[in-house]
Amino acid sequence: MHRLYGTYLLYLVEETLRKTETPLSIKEISERIVRLDSPREQYNLQERVRRALGVLEAHQPIIKQMHRISTNVYSFKYQIHQHEQLY
């Protein structure tokens, strides 16, 4: 069983974004953290990652990019702004 909640999840999301040069979607971030057996558990992790990104957006310089999938469907990808990282 994985304990992926709270500040530890914030740390994992931030480290995942720091390690990559390309923007990642919520699904890609959660799959890079851990791949769970049940689709429902993976979805719940994605929801927790979404909340963690909301917290990080308030405190970190995160770039949120919107990508159009079809006419009315959009996907967001996230990346840490490399030049303004706070340590």
PDB file of N, CA and C in Angstrom:
ATOM      1  N   MET A   1       0.840  -1.184   0.000  1.00  0.00           N
ATOM      2  CA  MET A   1       0.000   0.000   0.000  1.00  0.00           C
ATOM      3  C   MET A   1       0.883   1.245   0.000  1.00  0.00           C
ATOM      4  N   HIS A   2       0.515   2.191  -0.806  1.00  0.00           N
ATOM      5  CA  HIS A   2       1.281   3.422  -0.943  1.00  0.00           C
ATOM      6  C   HIS A   2       0.620   4.522  -0.127  1.00  0.00           C
ATOM      7  N   ARG A   3       1.421   5.271   0.589  1.00  0.00           N
ATOM      8  CA  ARG A   3       0.933   6.418   1.366  1.00  0.00           C
ATOM      9  C   ARG A   3       1.297   7.685   0.599  1.00  0.00           C
ATOM     10  N   LEU A   4       0.430   8.095  -0.286  1.00  0.00           N
ATOM     11  CA  LEU A   4       0.698   9.255  -1.125  1.00  0.00           C
ATOM     12  C   LEU A   4      -0.316  10.350  -0.826  1.00  0.00           C
ATOM     13  N   TYR A   5      -0.093  11.032   0.292  1.00  0.00           N
ATOM     14  CA  TYR A   5      -0.990  12.098   0.736  1.00  0.00           C
ATOM     15  C   TYR A   5      -0.165  13.270   1.253  1.00  0.00           C
ATOM     16  N   GLY A   6      -0.794  14.409   1.385  1.00  0.00           N
ATOM     17  CA  GLY A   6      -0.230  15.549   2.095  1.00  0.00           C
ATOM     18  C   GLY A   6       1.075  16.082   1.541  1.00  0.00           C
ATOM     19  N   THR A   7       1.960  16.445   2.461  1.00  0.00           N
ATOM     20  CA  THR A   7       3.204  17.104   2.073  1.00  0.00           C
ATOM     21  C   THR A   7       4.131  16.174   1.305  1.00  0.00           C
ATOM     22  N   TYR A   8       4.066  14.866   1.570  1.00  0.00           N
ATOM     23  CA  TYR A   8       4.912  13.936   0.819  1.00  0.00           C
ATOM     24  C   TYR A   8       4.483  13.903  -0.649  1.00  0.00           C
ATOM     25  N   LEU A   9       3.185  13.937  -0.908  1.00  0.00           N
ATOM     26  CA  LEU A   9       2.708  13.978  -2.285  1.00  0.00           C
ATOM     27  C   LEU A   9       3.106  15.295  -2.949  1.00  0.00           C
ATOM     28  N   LEU A  10       3.033  16.404  -2.218  1.00  0.00           N
ATOM     29  CA  LEU A  10       3.498  17.689  -2.759  1.00  0.00           C
ATOM     30  C   LEU A  10       4.960  17.598  -3.170  1.00  0.00           C
ATOM     31  N   TYR A  11       5.773  16.983  -2.317  1.00  0.00           N
ATOM     32  CA  TYR A  11       7.196  16.813  -2.608  1.00  0.00           C
ATOM     33  C   TYR A  11       7.391  15.961  -3.867  1.00  0.00           C
ATOM     34  N   LEU A  12       6.660  14.848  -3.988  1.00  0.00           N
ATOM     35  CA  LEU A  12       6.802  13.970  -5.154  1.00  0.00           C
ATOM     36  C   LEU A  12       6.377  14.665  -6.446  1.00  0.00           C
ATOM     37  N   VAL A  13       5.295  15.431  -6.388  1.00  0.00           N
ATOM     38  CA  VAL A  13       4.834  16.157  -7.574  1.00  0.00           C
ATOM     39  C   VAL A  13       5.870  17.198  -7.984  1.00  0.00           C
ATOM     40  N   GLU A  14       6.393  17.933  -7.016  1.00  0.00           N
ATOM     41  CA  GLU A  14       7.395  18.957  -7.314  1.00  0.00           C
ATOM     42  C   GLU A  14       8.664  18.333  -7.893  1.00  0.00           C
ATOM     43  N   GLU A  15       9.124  17.232  -7.329  1.00  0.00           N
ATOM     44  CA  GLU A  15      10.328  16.563  -7.836  1.00  0.00           C
ATOM     45  C   GLU A  15      10.101  15.995  -9.234  1.00  0.00           C
ATOM     46  N   THR A  16       8.916  15.483  -9.496  1.00  0.00           N
ATOM     47  CA  THR A  16       8.599  14.962 -10.825  1.00  0.00           C
ATOM     48  C   THR A  16       8.639  16.078 -11.854  1.00  0.00           C
ATOM     49  N   LEU A  17       8.103  17.246 -11.509  1.00  0.00           N
ATOM     50  CA  LEU A  17       8.127  18.375 -12.437  1.00  0.00           C
ATOM     51  C   LEU A  17       9.537  18.930 -12.619  1.00  0.00           C
ATOM     52  N   ARG A  18      10.352  18.892 -11.584  1.00  0.00           N
ATOM     53  CA  ARG A  18      11.726  19.396 -11.693  1.00  0.00           C
ATOM     54  C   ARG A  18      12.599  18.505 -12.574  1.00  0.00           C
ATOM     55  N   LYS A  19      12.320  17.202 -12.593  1.00  0.00           N
ATOM     56  CA  LYS A  19      13.157  16.249 -13.325  1.00  0.00           C
ATOM     57  C   LYS A  19      12.945  16.287 -14.829  1.00  0.00           C
ATOM     58  N   THR A  20      11.859  16.857 -15.282  1.00  0.00           N
ATOM     59  CA  THR A  20      11.556  16.828 -16.707  1.00  0.00           C
ATOM     60  C   THR A  20      11.667  18.219 -17.321  1.00  0.00           C
ATOM     61  N   GLU A  21      11.966  18.237 -18.588  1.00  0.00           N
ATOM     62  CA  GLU A  21      12.068  19.498 -19.335  1.00  0.00           C
ATOM     63  C   GLU A  21      10.757  19.818 -20.057  1.00  0.00           C
ATOM     64  N   THR A  22       9.927  18.793 -20.262  1.00  0.00           N
ATOM     65  CA  THR A  22       8.685  18.986 -21.004  1.00  0.00           C
ATOM     66  C   THR A  22       7.506  19.109 -20.043  1.00  0.00           C
ATOM     67  N   PRO A  23       6.467  19.822 -20.432  1.00  0.00           N
ATOM     68  CA  PRO A  23       5.272  19.910 -19.589  1.00  0.00           C
ATOM     69  C   PRO A  23       4.579  18.549 -19.481  1.00  0.00           C
ATOM     70  N   LEU A  24       4.004  18.267 -18.318  1.00  0.00           N
ATOM     71  CA  LEU A  24       3.331  16.996 -18.070  1.00  0.00           C
ATOM     72  C   LEU A  24       1.879  17.229 -17.675  1.00  0.00           C
ATOM     73  N   SER A  25       1.016  16.316 -18.105  1.00  0.00           N
ATOM     74  CA  SER A  25      -0.380  16.364 -17.676  1.00  0.00           C
ATOM     75  C   SER A  25      -0.500  15.712 -16.302  1.00  0.00           C
ATOM     76  N   ILE A  26      -1.659  15.842 -15.698  1.00  0.00           N
ATOM     77  CA  ILE A  26      -1.893  15.242 -14.382  1.00  0.00           C
ATOM     78  C   ILE A  26      -1.759  13.729 -14.459  1.00  0.00           C
ATOM     79  N   LYS A  27      -2.264  13.144 -15.526  1.00  0.00           N
ATOM     80  CA  LYS A  27      -2.163  11.692 -15.706  1.00  0.00           C
ATOM     81  C   LYS A  27      -0.701  11.257 -15.820  1.00  0.00           C
ATOM     82  N   GLU A  28       0.105  11.998 -16.575  1.00  0.00           N
ATOM     83  CA  GLU A  28       1.526  11.659 -16.728  1.00  0.00           C
ATOM     84  C   GLU A  28       2.283  11.812 -15.411  1.00  0.00           C
ATOM     85  N   ILE A  29       1.962  12.846 -14.648  1.00  0.00           N
ATOM     86  CA  ILE A  29       2.624  13.048 -13.352  1.00  0.00           C
ATOM     87  C   ILE A  29       2.306  11.897 -12.416  1.00  0.00           C
ATOM     88  N   SER A  30       1.027  11.518 -12.331  1.00  0.00           N
ATOM     89  CA  SER A  30       0.650  10.438 -11.411  1.00  0.00           C
ATOM     90  C   SER A  30       1.253   9.105 -11.835  1.00  0.00           C
ATOM     91  N   GLU A  31       1.381   8.854 -13.136  1.00  0.00           N
ATOM     92  CA  GLU A  31       1.991   7.604 -13.591  1.00  0.00           C
ATOM     93  C   GLU A  31       3.490   7.584 -13.340  1.00  0.00           C
ATOM     94  N   ARG A  32       4.136   8.735 -13.363  1.00  0.00           N
ATOM     95  CA  ARG A  32       5.572   8.779 -13.058  1.00  0.00           C
ATOM     96  C   ARG A  32       5.838   8.605 -11.568  1.00  0.00           C
ATOM     97  N   ILE A  33       4.883   8.988 -10.732  1.00  0.00           N
ATOM     98  CA  ILE A  33       5.044   8.801  -9.287  1.00  0.00           C
ATOM     99  C   ILE A  33       4.905   7.325  -8.946  1.00  0.00           C
ATOM    100  N   VAL A  34       3.788   6.723  -9.322  1.00  0.00           N
ATOM    101  CA  VAL A  34       3.571   5.289  -9.063  1.00  0.00           C
ATOM    102  C   VAL A  34       2.460   4.791  -9.981  1.00  0.00           C
ATOM    103  N   ARG A  35       2.583   3.563 -10.424  1.00  0.00           N
ATOM    104  CA  ARG A  35       1.547   2.922 -11.240  1.00  0.00           C
ATOM    105  C   ARG A  35       0.784   1.951 -10.345  1.00  0.00           C
ATOM    106  N   LEU A  36      -0.485   2.239 -10.083  1.00  0.00           N
ATOM    107  CA  LEU A  36      -1.305   1.415  -9.197  1.00  0.00           C
ATOM    108  C   LEU A  36      -2.076   0.368 -10.002  1.00  0.00           C
ATOM    109  N   ASP A  37      -2.460  -0.719  -9.330  1.00  0.00           N
ATOM    110  CA  ASP A  37      -3.124  -1.839 -10.004  1.00  0.00           C
ATOM    111  C   ASP A  37      -4.544  -1.498 -10.447  1.00  0.00           C
ATOM    112  N   SER A  38      -5.297  -0.898  -9.580  1.00  0.00           N
ATOM    113  CA  SER A  38      -6.705  -0.626  -9.850  1.00  0.00           C
ATOM    114  C   SER A  38      -6.858   0.708 -10.589  1.00  0.00           C
ATOM    115  N   PRO A  39      -7.701   0.743 -11.627  1.00  0.00           N
ATOM    116  CA  PRO A  39      -7.956   2.022 -12.306  1.00  0.00           C
ATOM    117  C   PRO A  39      -8.584   3.059 -11.372  1.00  0.00           C
ATOM    118  N   ARG A  40      -9.391   2.591 -10.427  1.00  0.00           N
ATOM    119  CA  ARG A  40     -10.023   3.516  -9.480  1.00  0.00           C
ATOM    120  C   ARG A  40      -8.980   4.149  -8.559  1.00  0.00           C
ATOM    121  N   GLU A  41      -8.021   3.347  -8.088  1.00  0.00           N
ATOM    122  CA  GLU A  41      -6.950   3.885  -7.243  1.00  0.00           C
ATOM    123  C   GLU A  41      -6.096   4.878  -8.024  1.00  0.00           C
ATOM    124  N   GLN A  42      -5.835   4.577  -9.296  1.00  0.00           N
ATOM    125  CA  GLN A  42      -5.047   5.487 -10.132  1.00  0.00           C
ATOM    126  C   GLN A  42      -5.804   6.799 -10.330  1.00  0.00           C
ATOM    127  N   TYR A  43      -7.118   6.722 -10.526  1.00  0.00           N
ATOM    128  CA  TYR A  43      -7.932   7.929 -10.670  1.00  0.00           C
ATOM    129  C   TYR A  43      -7.912   8.754  -9.383  1.00  0.00           C
ATOM    130  N   ASN A  44      -8.015   8.086  -8.233  1.00  0.00           N
ATOM    131  CA  ASN A  44      -7.964   8.795  -6.951  1.00  0.00           C
ATOM    132  C   ASN A  44      -6.621   9.491  -6.770  1.00  0.00           C
ATOM    133  N   LEU A  45      -5.539   8.844  -7.198  1.00  0.00           N
ATOM    134  CA  LEU A  45      -4.216   9.472  -7.137  1.00  0.00           C
ATOM    135  C   LEU A  45      -4.175  10.701  -8.039  1.00  0.00           C
ATOM    136  N   GLN A  46      -4.774  10.617  -9.221  1.00  0.00           N
ATOM    137  CA  GLN A  46      -4.809  11.768 -10.123  1.00  0.00           C
ATOM    138  C   GLN A  46      -5.555  12.938  -9.487  1.00  0.00           C
ATOM    139  N   GLU A  47      -6.623  12.663  -8.763  1.00  0.00           N
ATOM    140  CA  GLU A  47      -7.360  13.722  -8.069  1.00  0.00           C
ATOM    141  C   GLU A  47      -6.496  14.360  -6.977  1.00  0.00           C
ATOM    142  N   ARG A  48      -5.740  13.557  -6.251  1.00  0.00           N
ATOM    143  CA  ARG A  48      -4.856  14.100  -5.214  1.00  0.00           C
ATOM    144  C   ARG A  48      -3.716  14.900  -5.841  1.00  0.00           C
ATOM    145  N   VAL A  49      -3.211  14.456  -7.004  1.00  0.00           N
ATOM    146  CA  VAL A  49      -2.174  15.209  -7.721  1.00  0.00           C
ATOM    147  C   VAL A  49      -2.745  16.543  -8.186  1.00  0.00           C
ATOM    148  N   ARG A  50      -3.994  16.548  -8.645  1.00  0.00           N
ATOM    149  CA  ARG A  50      -4.644  17.797  -9.081  1.00  0.00           C
ATOM    150  C   ARG A  50      -4.723  18.800  -7.927  1.00  0.00           C
ATOM    151  N   ARG A  51      -5.094  18.320  -6.733  1.00  0.00           N
ATOM    152  CA  ARG A  51      -5.146  19.202  -5.558  1.00  0.00           C
ATOM    153  C   ARG A  51      -3.751  19.671  -5.164  1.00  0.00           C
ATOM    154  N   ALA A  52      -2.761  18.791  -5.257  1.00  0.00           N
ATOM    155  CA  ALA A  52      -1.386  19.166  -4.923  1.00  0.00           C
ATOM    156  C   ALA A  52      -0.873  20.234  -5.886  1.00  0.00           C
ATOM    157  N   LEU A  53      -1.222  20.129  -7.158  1.00  0.00           N
ATOM    158  CA  LEU A  53      -0.807  21.147  -8.123  1.00  0.00           C
ATOM    159  C   LEU A  53      -1.459  22.489  -7.814  1.00  0.00           C
ATOM    160  N   GLY A  54      -2.678  22.477  -7.330  1.00  0.00           N
ATOM    161  CA  GLY A  54      -3.340  23.720  -6.923  1.00  0.00           C
ATOM    162  C   GLY A  54      -2.602  24.400  -5.791  1.00  0.00           C
ATOM    163  N   VAL A  55      -2.122  23.608  -4.834  1.00  0.00           N
ATOM    164  CA  VAL A  55      -1.343  24.160  -3.718  1.00  0.00           C
ATOM    165  C   VAL A  55      -0.003  24.680  -4.221  1.00  0.00           C
ATOM    166  N   LEU A  56       0.651  23.918  -5.092  1.00  0.00           N
ATOM    167  CA  LEU A  56       1.954  24.346  -5.612  1.00  0.00           C
ATOM    168  C   LEU A  56       1.837  25.600  -6.473  1.00  0.00           C
ATOM    169  N   GLU A  57       0.733  25.743  -7.193  1.00  0.00           N
ATOM    170  CA  GLU A  57       0.537  26.943  -8.014  1.00  0.00           C
ATOM    171  C   GLU A  57       0.517  28.200  -7.161  1.00  0.00           C
ATOM    172  N   ALA A  58       0.023  28.088  -5.942  1.00  0.00           N
ATOM    173  CA  ALA A  58      -0.043  29.245  -5.053  1.00  0.00           C
ATOM    174  C   ALA A  58       1.328  29.618  -4.500  1.00  0.00           C
ATOM    175  N   HIS A  59       2.249  28.661  -4.431  1.00  0.00           N
ATOM    176  CA  HIS A  59       3.535  28.908  -3.781  1.00  0.00           C
ATOM    177  C   HIS A  59       4.746  28.805  -4.702  1.00  0.00           C
ATOM    178  N   GLN A  60       4.610  28.205  -5.857  1.00  0.00           N
ATOM    179  CA  GLN A  60       5.731  27.996  -6.770  1.00  0.00           C
ATOM    180  C   GLN A  60       5.420  28.641  -8.119  1.00  0.00           C
ATOM    181  N   PRO A  61       6.454  29.011  -8.856  1.00  0.00           N
ATOM    182  CA  PRO A  61       6.232  29.532 -10.211  1.00  0.00           C
ATOM    183  C   PRO A  61       5.977  28.387 -11.193  1.00  0.00           C
ATOM    184  N   ILE A  62       4.745  27.899 -11.243  1.00  0.00           N
ATOM    185  CA  ILE A  62       4.384  26.791 -12.127  1.00  0.00           C
ATOM    186  C   ILE A  62       3.696  27.346 -13.366  1.00  0.00           C
ATOM    187  N   ILE A  63       4.100  26.852 -14.513  1.00  0.00           N
ATOM    188  CA  ILE A  63       3.490  27.242 -15.776  1.00  0.00           C
ATOM    189  C   ILE A  63       2.390  26.236 -16.100  1.00  0.00           C
ATOM    190  N   LYS A  64       1.186  26.737 -16.341  1.00  0.00           N
ATOM    191  CA  LYS A  64       0.043  25.892 -16.701  1.00  0.00           C
ATOM    192  C   LYS A  64      -0.294  26.186 -18.160  1.00  0.00           C
ATOM    193  N   GLN A  65      -0.094  25.192 -19.020  1.00  0.00           N
ATOM    194  CA  GLN A  65      -0.315  25.376 -20.447  1.00  0.00           C
ATOM    195  C   GLN A  65      -1.581  24.645 -20.872  1.00  0.00           C
ATOM    196  N   MET A  66      -2.388  25.309 -21.684  1.00  0.00           N
ATOM    197  CA  MET A  66      -3.626  24.712 -22.162  1.00  0.00           C
ATOM    198  C   MET A  66      -3.399  24.166 -23.568  1.00  0.00           C
ATOM    199  N   HIS A  67      -3.786  22.913 -23.788  1.00  0.00           N
ATOM    200  CA  HIS A  67      -3.671  22.273 -25.095  1.00  0.00           C
ATOM    201  C   HIS A  67      -5.066  21.876 -25.560  1.00  0.00           C
ATOM    202  N   ARG A  68      -5.395  22.265 -26.771  1.00  0.00           N
ATOM    203  CA  ARG A  68      -6.711  21.935 -27.323  1.00  0.00           C
ATOM    204  C   ARG A  68      -6.665  20.524 -27.909  1.00  0.00           C
ATOM    205  N   ILE A  69      -7.578  19.677 -27.446  1.00  0.00           N
ATOM    206  CA  ILE A  69      -7.675  18.316 -27.960  1.00  0.00           C
ATOM    207  C   ILE A  69      -8.686  18.275 -29.105  1.00  0.00           C
ATOM    208  N   SER A  70      -9.844  18.843 -28.893  1.00  0.00           N
ATOM    209  CA  SER A  70     -10.840  19.008 -29.949  1.00  0.00           C
ATOM    210  C   SER A  70     -11.515  20.357 -29.721  1.00  0.00           C
ATOM    211  N   THR A  71     -12.604  20.606 -30.396  1.00  0.00           N
ATOM    212  CA  THR A  71     -13.233  21.921 -30.351  1.00  0.00           C
ATOM    213  C   THR A  71     -13.523  22.399 -28.935  1.00  0.00           C
ATOM    214  N   ASN A  72     -14.132  21.570 -28.109  1.00  0.00           N
ATOM    215  CA  ASN A  72     -14.518  21.995 -26.766  1.00  0.00           C
ATOM    216  C   ASN A  72     -13.764  21.271 -25.663  1.00  0.00           C
ATOM    217  N   VAL A  73     -12.754  20.507 -26.004  1.00  0.00           N
ATOM    218  CA  VAL A  73     -12.030  19.713 -25.011  1.00  0.00           C
ATOM    219  C   VAL A  73     -10.597  20.231 -24.910  1.00  0.00           C
ATOM    220  N   TYR A  74     -10.203  20.567 -23.682  1.00  0.00           N
ATOM    221  CA  TYR A  74      -8.866  21.084 -23.431  1.00  0.00           C
ATOM    222  C   TYR A  74      -8.157  20.215 -22.405  1.00  0.00           C
ATOM    223  N   SER A  75      -6.845  20.182 -22.507  1.00  0.00           N
ATOM    224  CA  SER A  75      -6.016  19.473 -21.539  1.00  0.00           C
ATOM    225  C   SER A  75      -4.981  20.463 -21.020  1.00  0.00           C
ATOM    226  N   PHE A  76      -4.673  20.376 -19.734  1.00  0.00           N
ATOM    227  CA  PHE A  76      -3.677  21.261 -19.145  1.00  0.00           C
ATOM    228  C   PHE A  76      -2.411  20.476 -18.849  1.00  0.00           C
ATOM    229  N   LYS A  77      -1.277  21.097 -19.125  1.00  0.00           N
ATOM    230  CA  LYS A  77       0.018  20.505 -18.812  1.00  0.00           C
ATOM    231  C   LYS A  77       0.774  21.487 -17.929  1.00  0.00           C
ATOM    232  N   TYR A  78       1.551  20.939 -17.009  1.00  0.00           N
ATOM    233  CA  TYR A  78       2.218  21.742 -15.984  1.00  0.00           C
ATOM    234  C   TYR A  78       3.725  21.593 -16.083  1.00  0.00           C
ATOM    235  N   GLN A  79       4.418  22.680 -15.732  1.00  0.00           N
ATOM    236  CA  GLN A  79       5.877  22.691 -15.735  1.00  0.00           C
ATOM    237  C   GLN A  79       6.340  23.739 -14.729  1.00  0.00           C
ATOM    238  N   ILE A  80       7.444  23.462 -14.038  1.00  0.00           N
ATOM    239  CA  ILE A  80       8.018  24.450 -13.126  1.00  0.00           C
ATOM    240  C   ILE A  80       8.863  25.409 -13.945  1.00  0.00           C
ATOM    241  N   HIS A  81       8.673  26.696 -13.719  1.00  0.00           N
ATOM    242  CA  HIS A  81       9.456  27.718 -14.415  1.00  0.00           C
ATOM    243  C   HIS A  81      10.886  27.624 -13.908  1.00  0.00           C
ATOM    244  N   GLN A  82      11.801  27.182 -14.741  1.00  0.00           N
ATOM    245  CA  GLN A  82      13.167  26.857 -14.335  1.00  0.00           C
ATOM    246  C   GLN A  82      13.966  28.066 -13.856  1.00  0.00           C
ATOM    247  N   HIS A  83      13.670  29.247 -14.360  1.00  0.00           N
ATOM    248  CA  HIS A  83      14.473  30.423 -14.017  1.00  0.00           C
ATOM    249  C   HIS A  83      14.035  31.083 -12.718  1.00  0.00           C
ATOM    250  N   GLU A  84      12.869  30.723 -12.205  1.00  0.00           N
ATOM    251  CA  GLU A  84      12.368  31.360 -10.987  1.00  0.00           C
ATOM    252  C   GLU A  84      12.064  30.344  -9.896  1.00  0.00           C
ATOM    253  N   GLN A  85      12.857  29.288  -9.804  1.00  0.00           N
ATOM    254  CA  GLN A  85      12.611  28.283  -8.778  1.00  0.00           C
ATOM    255  C   GLN A  85      12.926  28.838  -7.400  1.00  0.00           C
ATOM    256  N   LEU A  86      12.071  28.521  -6.445  1.00  0.00           N
ATOM    257  CA  LEU A  86      12.291  28.919  -5.062  1.00  0.00           C
ATOM    258  C   LEU A  86      12.842  27.732  -4.306  1.00  0.00           C
ATOM    259  N   TYR A  87      13.920  27.933  -3.579  1.00  0.00           N
ATOM    260  CA  TYR A  87      14.513  26.833  -2.811  1.00  0.00           C
ATOM    261  C   TYR A  87      14.351  27.083  -1.346  1.00  0.00           C
TER     262      TYR A  87
END
